[in-house]
Amino acid sequence: MKVLIAVASRHGSTKEIADELGRALSAELTGRGMTSQVDVMFADKVRSVAEYDAVVLGSAVYRGQWLDSAKGLAERHRGALLRKPVWLFSSGPVGDPLKPAKDPVDVSAVVALVGARKNRVFSGKIDKQVLRFAERAIMTALRVKEGDYRDWAAVREWASQVAEVLGHPHALNQETSHASHQ
């Protein structure tokens, strides 16, 4: 089983989620007796997805939008992605309580484009030292406090769910397509 986790990350927080997802997914697949290779790459560095059995595509969310490199990967490799299991994840809501409280991104176009099975939303991280002026202004307007809101247990649990499906090929056909899970 060869899995690609492709990610678009502006300041590194979403890449750290992808890295943890990769470690957890590899461990889960191995624990299920499957020989696996899980590659984590930046979306703009992916030249082909043909060699992979499954793909997880993730992006940071800014102003309700995925980053262009993640959307671009979906567009460039649409044909190949439609022929394999694909999951999406978004990293975005921050604060306590999480803001925005509703789904921070409309990825329905990407889900439809590549036939993705799920979009999982993970909370993010705010480090004002690395934010651009406009990003700091948005955080100030939303009254979001600096901090790391990522839920590592949730990332590992999702890796387990993806591994469960990959470990049972018949489950690929039974899993509900185009569902959003938060």
Protein backbone atom coordinates (compact mmCIF):
# COMPACT_ATOMS: atom_id res chain seq x y z
CA MET A 1 0.00 0.00 0.00
CA LYS A 2 1.54 3.28 -1.10
CA VAL A 3 -0.16 6.45 0.15
CA LEU A 4 0.55 10.08 -0.71
CA ILE A 5 -0.26 12.85 1.74
CA ALA A 6 0.01 16.10 -0.21
CA VAL A 7 -0.33 19.33 1.72
CA ALA A 8 -0.47 23.09 1.22
CA SER A 9 0.71 25.02 4.26
CA ARG A 10 1.43 28.72 4.51
CA HIS A 11 3.26 28.88 7.85
CA GLY A 12 3.99 25.21 8.58
CA SER A 13 1.18 24.30 10.98
CA THR A 14 -0.82 22.32 8.40
CA LYS A 15 2.38 20.57 7.25
CA GLU A 16 2.89 19.45 10.86
CA ILE A 17 -0.64 17.97 10.80
CA ALA A 18 0.24 16.14 7.55
CA ASP A 19 3.47 14.82 9.09
CA GLU A 20 1.61 13.45 12.14
CA LEU A 21 -1.08 12.00 9.89
CA GLY A 22 1.65 10.29 7.86
CA ARG A 23 3.32 8.78 10.94
CA ALA A 24 -0.01 7.61 12.35
CA LEU A 25 -1.28 6.21 9.05
CA SER A 26 1.94 4.30 8.47
CA ALA A 27 1.78 2.83 11.99
CA GLU A 28 -1.90 1.92 11.57
CA LEU A 29 -1.34 0.18 8.23
CA THR A 30 1.67 -1.71 9.58
CA GLY A 31 -0.31 -2.67 12.67
CA ARG A 32 -2.95 -4.15 10.37
CA GLY A 33 -0.31 -6.34 8.73
CA MET A 34 0.00 -4.26 5.57
CA THR A 35 3.29 -3.35 3.97
CA SER A 36 3.04 0.37 3.46
CA GLN A 37 4.85 3.46 2.34
CA VAL A 38 3.39 6.84 3.27
CA ASP A 39 4.96 9.87 1.59
CA VAL A 40 4.25 13.40 2.86
CA MET A 41 4.95 16.13 0.29
CA PHE A 42 4.07 19.73 -0.37
CA ALA A 43 1.28 19.82 -2.97
CA ASP A 44 3.25 22.04 -5.33
CA LYS A 45 6.11 19.49 -5.41
CA VAL A 46 3.91 16.56 -6.51
CA ARG A 47 4.60 15.69 -10.15
CA SER A 48 2.49 12.52 -10.37
CA VAL A 49 0.03 10.57 -8.23
CA ALA A 50 0.01 7.53 -10.53
CA GLU A 51 2.27 5.39 -8.33
CA TYR A 52 0.06 5.79 -5.25
CA ASP A 53 -2.78 3.51 -4.18
CA ALA A 54 -4.50 6.31 -2.21
CA VAL A 55 -4.13 10.06 -1.71
CA VAL A 56 -4.84 12.39 1.19
CA LEU A 57 -4.86 16.05 0.14
CA GLY A 58 -4.83 18.77 2.77
CA SER A 59 -4.72 22.53 2.91
CA ALA A 60 -4.58 25.39 5.32
CA VAL A 61 -7.66 27.58 5.07
CA TYR A 62 -7.40 31.36 4.78
CA ARG A 63 -10.49 33.52 4.38
CA GLY A 64 -12.55 30.39 3.78
CA GLN A 65 -10.41 29.16 0.90
CA TRP A 66 -7.96 26.37 0.33
CA LEU A 67 -4.49 27.43 -0.79
CA ASP A 68 -3.94 27.52 -4.54
CA SER A 69 -1.28 24.79 -4.54
CA ALA A 70 -3.73 22.24 -3.08
CA LYS A 71 -6.50 23.21 -5.49
CA GLY A 72 -3.97 23.16 -8.32
CA LEU A 73 -2.89 19.60 -7.50
CA ALA A 74 -6.53 18.49 -7.59
CA GLU A 75 -7.02 20.14 -10.97
CA ARG A 76 -3.75 18.87 -12.52
CA HIS A 77 -4.20 15.27 -11.41
CA ARG A 78 -8.00 15.02 -11.55
CA GLY A 79 -8.07 12.03 -13.91
CA ALA A 80 -5.73 9.92 -11.80
CA LEU A 81 -7.36 10.99 -8.52
CA LEU A 82 -10.79 9.94 -9.76
CA ARG A 83 -9.47 6.36 -10.06
CA LYS A 84 -8.22 6.00 -6.48
CA PRO A 85 -9.46 6.62 -2.95
CA VAL A 86 -8.96 10.27 -1.97
CA TRP A 87 -9.55 11.99 1.35
CA LEU A 88 -9.31 15.70 2.06
CA PHE A 89 -8.43 17.59 5.20
CA SER A 90 -8.57 21.26 6.03
CA SER A 91 -6.81 23.11 8.83
CA GLY A 92 -8.39 26.30 9.95
CA PRO A 93 -10.56 27.04 12.94
CA VAL A 94 -8.73 28.50 15.93
CA GLY A 95 -9.55 29.93 19.36
CA ASP A 96 -11.64 28.89 22.31
CA PRO A 97 -14.39 28.52 21.26
CA LEU A 98 -13.20 27.66 17.76
CA LYS A 99 -13.73 30.41 15.19
CA PRO A 100 -15.25 30.11 12.75
CA ALA A 101 -17.62 27.74 14.50
CA LYS A 102 -19.10 26.44 11.26
CA ASP A 103 -17.15 24.66 8.55
CA PRO A 104 -14.43 27.19 7.71
CA VAL A 105 -14.16 26.21 4.07
CA ASP A 106 -16.37 25.18 1.21
CA VAL A 107 -14.44 22.38 -0.43
CA SER A 108 -17.43 20.95 -2.25
CA ALA A 109 -15.87 21.85 -5.61
CA VAL A 110 -12.67 19.95 -4.76
CA VAL A 111 -14.66 17.00 -3.40
CA ALA A 112 -16.63 16.85 -6.67
CA LEU A 113 -13.54 17.38 -8.83
CA VAL A 114 -11.61 14.39 -7.46
CA GLY A 115 -14.41 12.24 -6.02
CA ALA A 116 -13.06 12.60 -2.50
CA ARG A 117 -14.59 10.46 0.23
CA LYS A 118 -14.30 12.88 3.14
CA ASN A 119 -13.17 16.34 4.12
CA ARG A 120 -11.98 16.37 7.69
CA VAL A 121 -11.55 19.74 9.38
CA PHE A 122 -8.83 20.06 12.02
CA SER A 123 -8.32 23.05 14.26
CA GLY A 124 -5.21 25.10 13.60
CA LYS A 125 -2.52 27.14 15.24
CA ILE A 126 -1.96 30.89 15.56
CA ASP A 127 1.55 32.23 15.94
CA LYS A 128 1.26 35.97 15.41
CA GLN A 129 5.04 36.23 14.87
CA VAL A 130 4.73 34.46 11.50
CA LEU A 131 1.46 36.01 10.33
CA ARG A 132 1.30 38.66 7.66
CA PHE A 133 -0.24 42.02 8.52
CA ALA A 134 -3.62 41.19 6.93
CA GLU A 135 -3.73 37.84 8.75
CA ARG A 136 -2.98 39.53 12.09
CA ALA A 137 -5.74 42.05 11.39
CA ILE A 138 -8.26 39.27 10.78
CA MET A 139 -7.23 37.49 14.00
CA THR A 140 -7.54 40.75 15.92
CA ALA A 141 -10.98 41.45 14.41
CA LEU A 142 -12.15 37.94 15.32
CA ARG A 143 -10.59 38.30 18.80
CA VAL A 144 -8.71 35.06 18.43
CA LYS A 145 -5.95 34.47 20.94
CA GLU A 146 -2.60 33.16 19.88
CA GLY A 147 -2.17 29.45 20.55
CA ASP A 148 -1.97 25.93 19.26
CA TYR A 149 -5.50 24.53 18.96
CA ARG A 150 -4.58 21.40 17.02
CA ASP A 151 -6.01 18.15 18.37
CA TRP A 152 -3.34 15.52 17.79
CA ALA A 153 -5.56 12.72 19.10
CA ALA A 154 -8.16 13.64 16.46
CA VAL A 155 -5.48 13.51 13.73
CA ARG A 156 -4.38 10.04 14.86
CA GLU A 157 -7.99 8.85 15.13
CA TRP A 158 -8.68 9.97 11.57
CA ALA A 159 -5.54 8.14 10.40
CA SER A 160 -7.00 5.02 12.02
CA GLN A 161 -10.29 5.52 10.15
CA VAL A 162 -8.50 5.95 6.81
CA ALA A 163 -6.36 2.85 7.52
CA GLU A 164 -9.49 0.86 8.35
CA VAL A 165 -10.94 1.63 4.92
CA LEU A 166 -7.64 0.97 3.12
CA GLY A 167 -7.27 -2.32 4.96
CA HIS A 168 -10.65 -3.53 3.73
CA PRO A 169 -10.97 -2.94 -0.03
CA HIS A 170 -14.70 -3.76 0.06
CA ALA A 171 -15.14 -0.84 2.46
CA LEU A 172 -13.97 1.55 -0.26
CA ASN A 173 -17.20 0.91 -2.12
CA GLN A 174 -19.38 1.01 0.99
CA GLU A 175 -18.04 4.24 2.45
CA THR A 176 -20.30 7.19 1.87
CA SER A 177 -18.81 9.40 -0.80
CA HIS A 178 -18.74 13.17 -0.71
CA ALA A 179 -19.45 13.38 3.02
CA SER A 180 -18.08 16.11 5.21
CA HIS A 181 -16.90 15.18 8.68
CA GLN A 182 -15.94 17.62 11.35
